[in-house]
Amino acid sequence: RILHHLKAFAPDPRNTIMITGYQVPGTRGASIIA
């Protein structure tokens, strides 16, 4: 379900995406941190 939330909230600069753990290279989480 996080994908639907990212799609809804990631475009708005008022929001925050909080990453809280190790992100395997090649995952969306790793791309966002990068």
PDB file of all heavy atoms in Angstrom:
ATOM      1  N   ARG A   1       0.802  -1.232   0.000  1.00  0.00           N
ATOM      2  CA  ARG A   1       0.000   0.000   0.000  1.00  0.00           C
ATOM      3  C   ARG A   1       0.828   1.272   0.000  1.00  0.00           C
ATOM      4  O   ARG A   1       0.345   2.333  -0.396  1.00  0.00           O
ATOM      5  CB  ARG A   1      -0.936  -0.010   1.210  1.00  0.00           C
ATOM      6  CG  ARG A   1      -1.993  -1.102   1.149  1.00  0.00           C
ATOM      7  CD  ARG A   1      -2.929  -1.021   2.347  1.00  0.00           C
ATOM      8  NE  ARG A   1      -3.946  -2.062   2.292  1.00  0.00           N
ATOM      9  CZ  ARG A   1      -4.882  -2.226   3.217  1.00  0.00           C
ATOM     10  NH1 ARG A   1      -4.927  -1.388   4.256  1.00  0.00           N
ATOM     11  NH2 ARG A   1      -5.766  -3.196   3.107  1.00  0.00           N
ATOM     12  N   ILE A   2       2.092   1.162   0.458  1.00  0.00           N
ATOM     13  CA  ILE A   2       2.917   2.376   0.500  1.00  0.00           C
ATOM     14  C   ILE A   2       3.056   2.992  -0.893  1.00  0.00           C
ATOM     15  O   ILE A   2       3.194   4.218  -1.028  1.00  0.00           O
ATOM     16  CB  ILE A   2       4.313   2.065   1.085  1.00  0.00           C
ATOM     17  CG1 ILE A   2       5.085   3.362   1.366  1.00  0.00           C
ATOM     18  CG2 ILE A   2       5.116   1.149   0.174  1.00  0.00           C
ATOM     19  CD1 ILE A   2       4.436   4.268   2.374  1.00  0.00           C
ATOM     20  N   LEU A   3       2.969   2.180  -1.943  1.00  0.00           N
ATOM     21  CA  LEU A   3       3.116   2.719  -3.298  1.00  0.00           C
ATOM     22  C   LEU A   3       1.993   3.694  -3.625  1.00  0.00           C
ATOM     23  O   LEU A   3       2.220   4.735  -4.258  1.00  0.00           O
ATOM     24  CB  LEU A   3       3.155   1.581  -4.314  1.00  0.00           C
ATOM     25  CG  LEU A   3       4.321   0.599  -4.179  1.00  0.00           C
ATOM     26  CD1 LEU A   3       4.303  -0.397  -5.329  1.00  0.00           C
ATOM     27  CD2 LEU A   3       5.656   1.336  -4.130  1.00  0.00           C
ATOM     28  N   HIS A   4       0.778   3.374  -3.215  1.00  0.00           N
ATOM     29  CA  HIS A   4      -0.350   4.278  -3.448  1.00  0.00           C
ATOM     30  C   HIS A   4      -0.167   5.586  -2.674  1.00  0.00           C
ATOM     31  O   HIS A   4      -0.482   6.672  -3.178  1.00  0.00           O
ATOM     32  CB  HIS A   4      -1.660   3.603  -3.051  1.00  0.00           C
ATOM     33  CG  HIS A   4      -1.962   2.373  -3.846  1.00  0.00           C
ATOM     34  ND1 HIS A   4      -2.454   2.414  -5.131  1.00  0.00           N
ATOM     35  CD2 HIS A   4      -1.814   1.049  -3.538  1.00  0.00           C
ATOM     36  CE1 HIS A   4      -2.620   1.183  -5.590  1.00  0.00           C
ATOM     37  NE2 HIS A   4      -2.239   0.341  -4.644  1.00  0.00           N
ATOM     38  N   HIS A   5       0.361   5.473  -1.454  1.00  0.00           N
ATOM     39  CA  HIS A   5       0.581   6.686  -0.649  1.00  0.00           C
ATOM     40  C   HIS A   5       1.704   7.537  -1.237  1.00  0.00           C
ATOM     41  O   HIS A   5       1.618   8.773  -1.250  1.00  0.00           O
ATOM     42  CB  HIS A   5       0.876   6.306   0.797  1.00  0.00           C
ATOM     43  CG  HIS A   5      -0.262   5.620   1.485  1.00  0.00           C
ATOM     44  ND1 HIS A   5      -1.545   6.109   1.457  1.00  0.00           N
ATOM     45  CD2 HIS A   5      -0.316   4.460   2.201  1.00  0.00           C
ATOM     46  CE1 HIS A   5      -2.346   5.301   2.137  1.00  0.00           C
ATOM     47  NE2 HIS A   5      -1.618   4.292   2.596  1.00  0.00           N
ATOM     48  N   LEU A   6       2.768   6.900  -1.706  1.00  0.00           N
ATOM     49  CA  LEU A   6       3.850   7.659  -2.332  1.00  0.00           C
ATOM     50  C   LEU A   6       3.349   8.366  -3.584  1.00  0.00           C
ATOM     51  O   LEU A   6       3.692   9.531  -3.840  1.00  0.00           O
ATOM     52  CB  LEU A   6       5.020   6.730  -2.675  1.00  0.00           C
ATOM     53  CG  LEU A   6       5.844   6.230  -1.501  1.00  0.00           C
ATOM     54  CD1 LEU A   6       6.879   5.214  -1.967  1.00  0.00           C
ATOM     55  CD2 LEU A   6       6.523   7.379  -0.763  1.00  0.00           C
ATOM     56  N   LYS A   7       2.545   7.674  -4.350  1.00  0.00           N
ATOM     57  CA  LYS A   7       1.999   8.276  -5.569  1.00  0.00           C
ATOM     58  C   LYS A   7       1.151   9.503  -5.237  1.00  0.00           C
ATOM     59  O   LYS A   7       1.164  10.515  -5.949  1.00  0.00           O
ATOM     60  CB  LYS A   7       1.168   7.229  -6.309  1.00  0.00           C
ATOM     61  CG  LYS A   7       0.862   7.561  -7.755  1.00  0.00           C
ATOM     62  CD  LYS A   7       0.207   6.376  -8.456  1.00  0.00           C
ATOM     63  CE  LYS A   7      -0.120   6.720  -9.889  1.00  0.00           C
ATOM     64  NZ  LYS A   7      -0.787   5.583 -10.584  1.00  0.00           N
ATOM     65  N   ALA A   8       0.429   9.425  -4.099  1.00  0.00           N
ATOM     66  CA  ALA A   8      -0.443  10.534  -3.704  1.00  0.00           C
ATOM     67  C   ALA A   8       0.317  11.681  -3.053  1.00  0.00           C
ATOM     68  O   ALA A   8       0.007  12.860  -3.292  1.00  0.00           O
ATOM     69  CB  ALA A   8      -1.522  10.016  -2.746  1.00  0.00           C
ATOM     70  N   PHE A   9       1.329  11.365  -2.231  1.00  0.00           N
ATOM     71  CA  PHE A   9       1.945  12.395  -1.388  1.00  0.00           C
ATOM     72  C   PHE A   9       3.322  12.849  -1.843  1.00  0.00           C
ATOM     73  O   PHE A   9       3.752  13.954  -1.495  1.00  0.00           O
ATOM     74  CB  PHE A   9       2.028  11.896   0.061  1.00  0.00           C
ATOM     75  CG  PHE A   9       0.696  11.657   0.699  1.00  0.00           C
ATOM     76  CD1 PHE A   9       0.287  10.364   1.049  1.00  0.00           C
ATOM     77  CD2 PHE A   9      -0.177  12.707   0.943  1.00  0.00           C
ATOM     78  CE1 PHE A   9      -0.949  10.141   1.632  1.00  0.00           C
ATOM     79  CE2 PHE A   9      -1.422  12.493   1.525  1.00  0.00           C
ATOM     80  CZ  PHE A   9      -1.807  11.198   1.868  1.00  0.00           C
ATOM     81  N   ALA A  10       4.042  12.040  -2.619  1.00  0.00           N
ATOM     82  CA  ALA A  10       5.405  12.414  -3.010  1.00  0.00           C
ATOM     83  C   ALA A  10       5.475  13.676  -3.856  1.00  0.00           C
ATOM     84  O   ALA A  10       6.454  14.430  -3.744  1.00  0.00           O
ATOM     85  CB  ALA A  10       6.071  11.247  -3.741  1.00  0.00           C
ATOM     86  N   PRO A  11       4.492  13.992  -4.707  1.00  0.00           N
ATOM     87  CA  PRO A  11       4.619  15.208  -5.535  1.00  0.00           C
ATOM     88  C   PRO A  11       4.482  16.525  -4.785  1.00  0.00           C
ATOM     89  O   PRO A  11       4.837  17.580  -5.329  1.00  0.00           O
ATOM     90  CB  PRO A  11       3.467  15.043  -6.556  1.00  0.00           C
ATOM     91  CG  PRO A  11       3.168  13.582  -6.586  1.00  0.00           C
ATOM     92  CD  PRO A  11       3.380  13.134  -5.172  1.00  0.00           C
ATOM     93  N   ASP A  12       3.998  16.518  -3.553  1.00  0.00           N
ATOM     94  CA  ASP A  12       3.690  17.757  -2.830  1.00  0.00           C
ATOM     95  C   ASP A  12       4.840  18.109  -1.879  1.00  0.00           C
ATOM     96  O   ASP A  12       5.147  17.341  -0.963  1.00  0.00           O
ATOM     97  CB  ASP A  12       2.395  17.574  -2.036  1.00  0.00           C
ATOM     98  CG  ASP A  12       1.876  18.874  -1.448  1.00  0.00           C
ATOM     99  OD1 ASP A  12       2.678  19.805  -1.230  1.00  0.00           O
ATOM    100  OD2 ASP A  12       0.652  18.954  -1.188  1.00  0.00           O
ATOM    101  N   PRO A  13       5.485  19.260  -2.038  1.00  0.00           N
ATOM    102  CA  PRO A  13       6.627  19.623  -1.187  1.00  0.00           C
ATOM    103  C   PRO A  13       6.274  19.861   0.275  1.00  0.00           C
ATOM    104  O   PRO A  13       7.178  19.950   1.124  1.00  0.00           O
ATOM    105  CB  PRO A  13       7.159  20.908  -1.835  1.00  0.00           C
ATOM    106  CG  PRO A  13       6.014  21.448  -2.619  1.00  0.00           C
ATOM    107  CD  PRO A  13       5.229  20.265  -3.081  1.00  0.00           C
ATOM    108  N   ARG A  14       4.993  19.973   0.603  1.00  0.00           N
ATOM    109  CA  ARG A  14       4.620  20.119   2.018  1.00  0.00           C
ATOM    110  C   ARG A  14       4.810  18.814   2.787  1.00  0.00           C
ATOM    111  O   ARG A  14       4.961  18.822   4.016  1.00  0.00           O
ATOM    112  CB  ARG A  14       3.164  20.562   2.130  1.00  0.00           C
ATOM    113  CG  ARG A  14       2.861  21.951   1.590  1.00  0.00           C
ATOM    114  CD  ARG A  14       1.376  22.239   1.658  1.00  0.00           C
ATOM    115  NE  ARG A  14       0.608  21.256   0.882  1.00  0.00           N
ATOM    116  CZ  ARG A  14      -0.713  21.172   0.897  1.00  0.00           C
ATOM    117  NH1 ARG A  14      -1.429  21.994   1.664  1.00  0.00           N
ATOM    118  NH2 ARG A  14      -1.329  20.267   0.146  1.00  0.00           N
ATOM    119  N   ASN A  15       4.791  17.699   2.078  1.00  0.00           N
ATOM    120  CA  ASN A  15       4.851  16.388   2.724  1.00  0.00           C
ATOM    121  C   ASN A  15       6.284  15.936   2.957  1.00  0.00           C
ATOM    122  O   ASN A  15       7.234  16.507   2.406  1.00  0.00           O
ATOM    123  CB  ASN A  15       4.112  15.355   1.867  1.00  0.00           C
ATOM    124  CG  ASN A  15       2.664  15.732   1.647  1.00  0.00           C
ATOM    125  OD1 ASN A  15       2.026  16.315   2.530  1.00  0.00           O
ATOM    126  ND2 ASN A  15       2.134  15.420   0.464  1.00  0.00           N
ATOM    127  N   THR A  16       6.436  14.902   3.774  1.00  0.00           N
ATOM    128  CA  THR A  16       7.751  14.318   4.041  1.00  0.00           C
ATOM    129  C   THR A  16       7.684  12.808   3.862  1.00  0.00           C
ATOM    130  O   THR A  16       6.767  12.151   4.363  1.00  0.00           O
ATOM    131  CB  THR A  16       8.222  14.623   5.475  1.00  0.00           C
ATOM    132  OG1 THR A  16       8.359  16.031   5.644  1.00  0.00           O
ATOM    133  CG2 THR A  16       9.564  13.956   5.768  1.00  0.00           C
ATOM    134  N   ILE A  17       8.662  12.279   3.157  1.00  0.00           N
ATOM    135  CA  ILE A  17       8.863  10.824   3.086  1.00  0.00           C
ATOM    136  C   ILE A  17       9.965  10.488   4.079  1.00  0.00           C
ATOM    137  O   ILE A  17      11.086  10.994   3.966  1.00  0.00           O
ATOM    138  CB  ILE A  17       9.260  10.380   1.667  1.00  0.00           C
ATOM    139  CG1 ILE A  17       8.204  10.792   0.649  1.00  0.00           C
ATOM    140  CG2 ILE A  17       9.489   8.863   1.636  1.00  0.00           C
ATOM    141  CD1 ILE A  17       8.649  10.627  -0.791  1.00  0.00           C
ATOM    142  N   MET A  18       9.634   9.682   5.067  1.00  0.00           N
ATOM    143  CA  MET A  18      10.584   9.343   6.118  1.00  0.00           C
ATOM    144  C   MET A  18      11.086   7.906   5.916  1.00  0.00           C
ATOM    145  O   MET A  18      10.320   6.955   5.978  1.00  0.00           O
ATOM    146  CB  MET A  18       9.938   9.474   7.504  1.00  0.00           C
ATOM    147  CG  MET A  18      10.908   9.222   8.655  1.00  0.00           C
ATOM    148  SD  MET A  18      10.043   9.160  10.249  1.00  0.00           S
ATOM    149  CE  MET A  18       9.451  10.840  10.369  1.00  0.00           C
ATOM    150  N   ILE A  19      12.374   7.773   5.655  1.00  0.00           N
ATOM    151  CA  ILE A  19      13.007   6.460   5.479  1.00  0.00           C
ATOM    152  C   ILE A  19      13.625   6.052   6.810  1.00  0.00           C
ATOM    153  O   ILE A  19      14.333   6.837   7.444  1.00  0.00           O
ATOM    154  CB  ILE A  19      14.071   6.508   4.371  1.00  0.00           C
ATOM    155  CG1 ILE A  19      13.461   7.027   3.060  1.00  0.00           C
ATOM    156  CG2 ILE A  19      14.694   5.133   4.171  1.00  0.00           C
ATOM    157  CD1 ILE A  19      12.399   6.149   2.463  1.00  0.00           C
ATOM    158  N   THR A  20      13.376   4.823   7.223  1.00  0.00           N
ATOM    159  CA  THR A  20      13.749   4.437   8.595  1.00  0.00           C
ATOM    160  C   THR A  20      14.591   3.163   8.674  1.00  0.00           C
ATOM    161  O   THR A  20      14.715   2.581   9.736  1.00  0.00           O
ATOM    162  CB  THR A  20      12.485   4.224   9.446  1.00  0.00           C
ATOM    163  OG1 THR A  20      11.692   3.185   8.856  1.00  0.00           O
ATOM    164  CG2 THR A  20      11.677   5.487   9.552  1.00  0.00           C
ATOM    165  N   GLY A  21      15.166   2.717   7.568  1.00  0.00           N
ATOM    166  CA  GLY A  21      15.954   1.493   7.645  1.00  0.00           C
ATOM    167  C   GLY A  21      16.783   1.279   6.402  1.00  0.00           C
ATOM    168  O   GLY A  21      16.771   2.083   5.459  1.00  0.00           O
ATOM    169  N   TYR A  22      17.515   0.188   6.394  1.00  0.00           N
ATOM    170  CA  TYR A  22      18.406  -0.124   5.290  1.00  0.00           C
ATOM    171  C   TYR A  22      17.605  -0.294   4.000  1.00  0.00           C
ATOM    172  O   TYR A  22      16.557  -0.938   3.983  1.00  0.00           O
ATOM    173  CB  TYR A  22      19.192  -1.409   5.569  1.00  0.00           C
ATOM    174  CG  TYR A  22      20.201  -1.709   4.493  1.00  0.00           C
ATOM    175  CD1 TYR A  22      21.442  -1.080   4.484  1.00  0.00           C
ATOM    176  CD2 TYR A  22      19.901  -2.586   3.454  1.00  0.00           C
ATOM    177  CE1 TYR A  22      22.364  -1.333   3.482  1.00  0.00           C
ATOM    178  CE2 TYR A  22      20.817  -2.848   2.452  1.00  0.00           C
ATOM    179  CZ  TYR A  22      22.046  -2.212   2.472  1.00  0.00           C
ATOM    180  OH  TYR A  22      22.947  -2.460   1.473  1.00  0.00           O
ATOM    181  N   GLN A  23      18.117   0.278   2.918  1.00  0.00           N
ATOM    182  CA  GLN A  23      17.468   0.203   1.613  1.00  0.00           C
ATOM    183  C   GLN A  23      18.384  -0.550   0.644  1.00  0.00           C
ATOM    184  O   GLN A  23      19.487  -0.090   0.343  1.00  0.00           O
ATOM    185  CB  GLN A  23      17.168   1.601   1.077  1.00  0.00           C
ATOM    186  CG  GLN A  23      16.334   2.462   2.010  1.00  0.00           C
ATOM    187  CD  GLN A  23      14.939   1.918   2.216  1.00  0.00           C
ATOM    188  OE1 GLN A  23      14.194   1.678   1.274  1.00  0.00           O
ATOM    189  NE2 GLN A  23      14.571   1.710   3.479  1.00  0.00           N
ATOM    190  N   VAL A  24      17.930  -1.690   0.178  1.00  0.00           N
ATOM    191  CA  VAL A  24      18.717  -2.478  -0.767  1.00  0.00           C
ATOM    192  C   VAL A  24      18.879  -1.691  -2.063  1.00  0.00           C
ATOM    193  O   VAL A  24      17.911  -1.113  -2.566  1.00  0.00           O
ATOM    194  CB  VAL A  24      18.024  -3.830  -1.037  1.00  0.00           C
ATOM    195  CG1 VAL A  24      18.690  -4.576  -2.193  1.00  0.00           C
ATOM    196  CG2 VAL A  24      18.041  -4.690   0.222  1.00  0.00           C
ATOM    197  N   PRO A  25      20.096  -1.635  -2.632  1.00  0.00           N
ATOM    198  CA  PRO A  25      20.272  -0.955  -3.921  1.00  0.00           C
ATOM    199  C   PRO A  25      19.295  -1.487  -4.968  1.00  0.00           C
ATOM    200  O   PRO A  25      19.054  -2.683  -5.066  1.00  0.00           O
ATOM    201  CB  PRO A  25      21.723  -1.291  -4.290  1.00  0.00           C
ATOM    202  CG  PRO A  25      22.407  -1.507  -2.977  1.00  0.00           C
ATOM    203  CD  PRO A  25      21.365  -2.148  -2.093  1.00  0.00           C
ATOM    204  N   GLY A  26      18.731  -0.559  -5.732  1.00  0.00           N
ATOM    205  CA  GLY A  26      17.777  -0.948  -6.755  1.00  0.00           C
ATOM    206  C   GLY A  26      16.336  -0.829  -6.334  1.00  0.00           C
ATOM    207  O   GLY A  26      15.436  -0.966  -7.168  1.00  0.00           O
ATOM    208  N   THR A  27      16.085  -0.593  -5.055  1.00  0.00           N
ATOM    209  CA  THR A  27      14.707  -0.430  -4.593  1.00  0.00           C
ATOM    210  C   THR A  27      14.300   1.040  -4.692  1.00  0.00           C
ATOM    211  O   THR A  27      15.140   1.941  -4.782  1.00  0.00           O
ATOM    212  CB  THR A  27      14.553  -0.891  -3.136  1.00  0.00           C
ATOM    213  OG1 THR A  27      15.404  -0.089  -2.290  1.00  0.00           O
ATOM    214  CG2 THR A  27      14.942  -2.369  -2.982  1.00  0.00           C
ATOM    215  N   ARG A  28      12.985   1.288  -4.660  1.00  0.00           N
ATOM    216  CA  ARG A  28      12.515   2.679  -4.700  1.00  0.00           C
ATOM    217  C   ARG A  28      13.011   3.456  -3.492  1.00  0.00           C
ATOM    218  O   ARG A  28      13.331   4.642  -3.589  1.00  0.00           O
ATOM    219  CB  ARG A  28      10.989   2.709  -4.766  1.00  0.00           C
ATOM    220  CG  ARG A  28      10.408   2.176  -6.070  1.00  0.00           C
ATOM    221  CD  ARG A  28       8.897   2.325  -6.082  1.00  0.00           C
ATOM    222  NE  ARG A  28       8.308   1.672  -7.252  1.00  0.00           N
ATOM    223  CZ  ARG A  28       7.964   0.387  -7.289  1.00  0.00           C
ATOM    224  NH1 ARG A  28       8.150  -0.383  -6.216  1.00  0.00           N
ATOM    225  NH2 ARG A  28       7.428  -0.130  -8.380  1.00  0.00           N
ATOM    226  N   GLY A  29      13.061   2.782  -2.326  1.00  0.00           N
ATOM    227  CA  GLY A  29      13.556   3.462  -1.135  1.00  0.00           C
ATOM    228  C   GLY A  29      14.979   3.943  -1.307  1.00  0.00           C
ATOM    229  O   GLY A  29      15.329   5.067  -0.909  1.00  0.00           O
ATOM    230  N   ALA A  30      15.833   3.120  -1.916  1.00  0.00           N
ATOM    231  CA  ALA A  30      17.221   3.515  -2.168  1.00  0.00           C
ATOM    232  C   ALA A  30      17.278   4.686  -3.144  1.00  0.00           C
ATOM    233  O   ALA A  30      18.095   5.602  -2.991  1.00  0.00           O
ATOM    234  CB  ALA A  30      18.014   2.327  -2.703  1.00  0.00           C
ATOM    235  N   SER A  31      16.413   4.676  -4.148  1.00  0.00           N
ATOM    236  CA  SER A  31      16.380   5.775  -5.116  1.00  0.00           C
ATOM    237  C   SER A  31      15.968   7.080  -4.452  1.00  0.00           C
ATOM    238  O   SER A  31      16.526   8.149  -4.730  1.00  0.00           O
ATOM    239  CB  SER A  31      15.405   5.447  -6.255  1.00  0.00           C
ATOM    240  OG  SER A  31      15.839   4.307  -6.981  1.00  0.00           O
ATOM    241  N   ILE A  32      14.987   7.008  -3.557  1.00  0.00           N
ATOM    242  CA  ILE A  32      14.507   8.209  -2.869  1.00  0.00           C
ATOM    243  C   ILE A  32      15.595   8.786  -1.979  1.00  0.00           C
ATOM    244  O   ILE A  32      15.844  10.006  -1.976  1.00  0.00           O
ATOM    245  CB  ILE A  32      13.229   7.881  -2.063  1.00  0.00           C
ATOM    246  CG1 ILE A  32      12.059   7.597  -3.024  1.00  0.00           C
ATOM    247  CG2 ILE A  32      12.871   9.031  -1.114  1.00  0.00           C
ATOM    248  CD1 ILE A  32      10.833   7.039  -2.355  1.00  0.00           C
ATOM    249  N   ILE A  33      16.299   7.914  -1.227  1.00  0.00           N
ATOM    250  CA  ILE A  33      17.397   8.391  -0.373  1.00  0.00           C
ATOM    251  C   ILE A  33      18.501   9.029  -1.210  1.00  0.00           C
ATOM    252  O   ILE A  33      19.122  10.014  -0.814  1.00  0.00           O
ATOM    253  CB  ILE A  33      17.965   7.230   0.466  1.00  0.00           C
ATOM    254  CG1 ILE A  33      17.055   6.953   1.647  1.00  0.00           C
ATOM    255  CG2 ILE A  33      19.362   7.543   0.970  1.00  0.00           C
ATOM    256  CD1 ILE A  33      17.576   5.881   2.571  1.00  0.00           C
ATOM    257  N   ALA A  34      18.752   8.448  -2.380  1.00  0.00           N
ATOM    258  CA  ALA A  34      19.821   8.952  -3.246  1.00  0.00           C
ATOM    259  C   ALA A  34      19.488  10.296  -3.877  1.00  0.00           C
ATOM    260  O   ALA A  34      20.336  10.898  -4.546  1.00  0.00           O
ATOM    261  CB  ALA A  34      20.134   7.929  -4.332  1.00  0.00           C
TER     262      ALA A  34
END
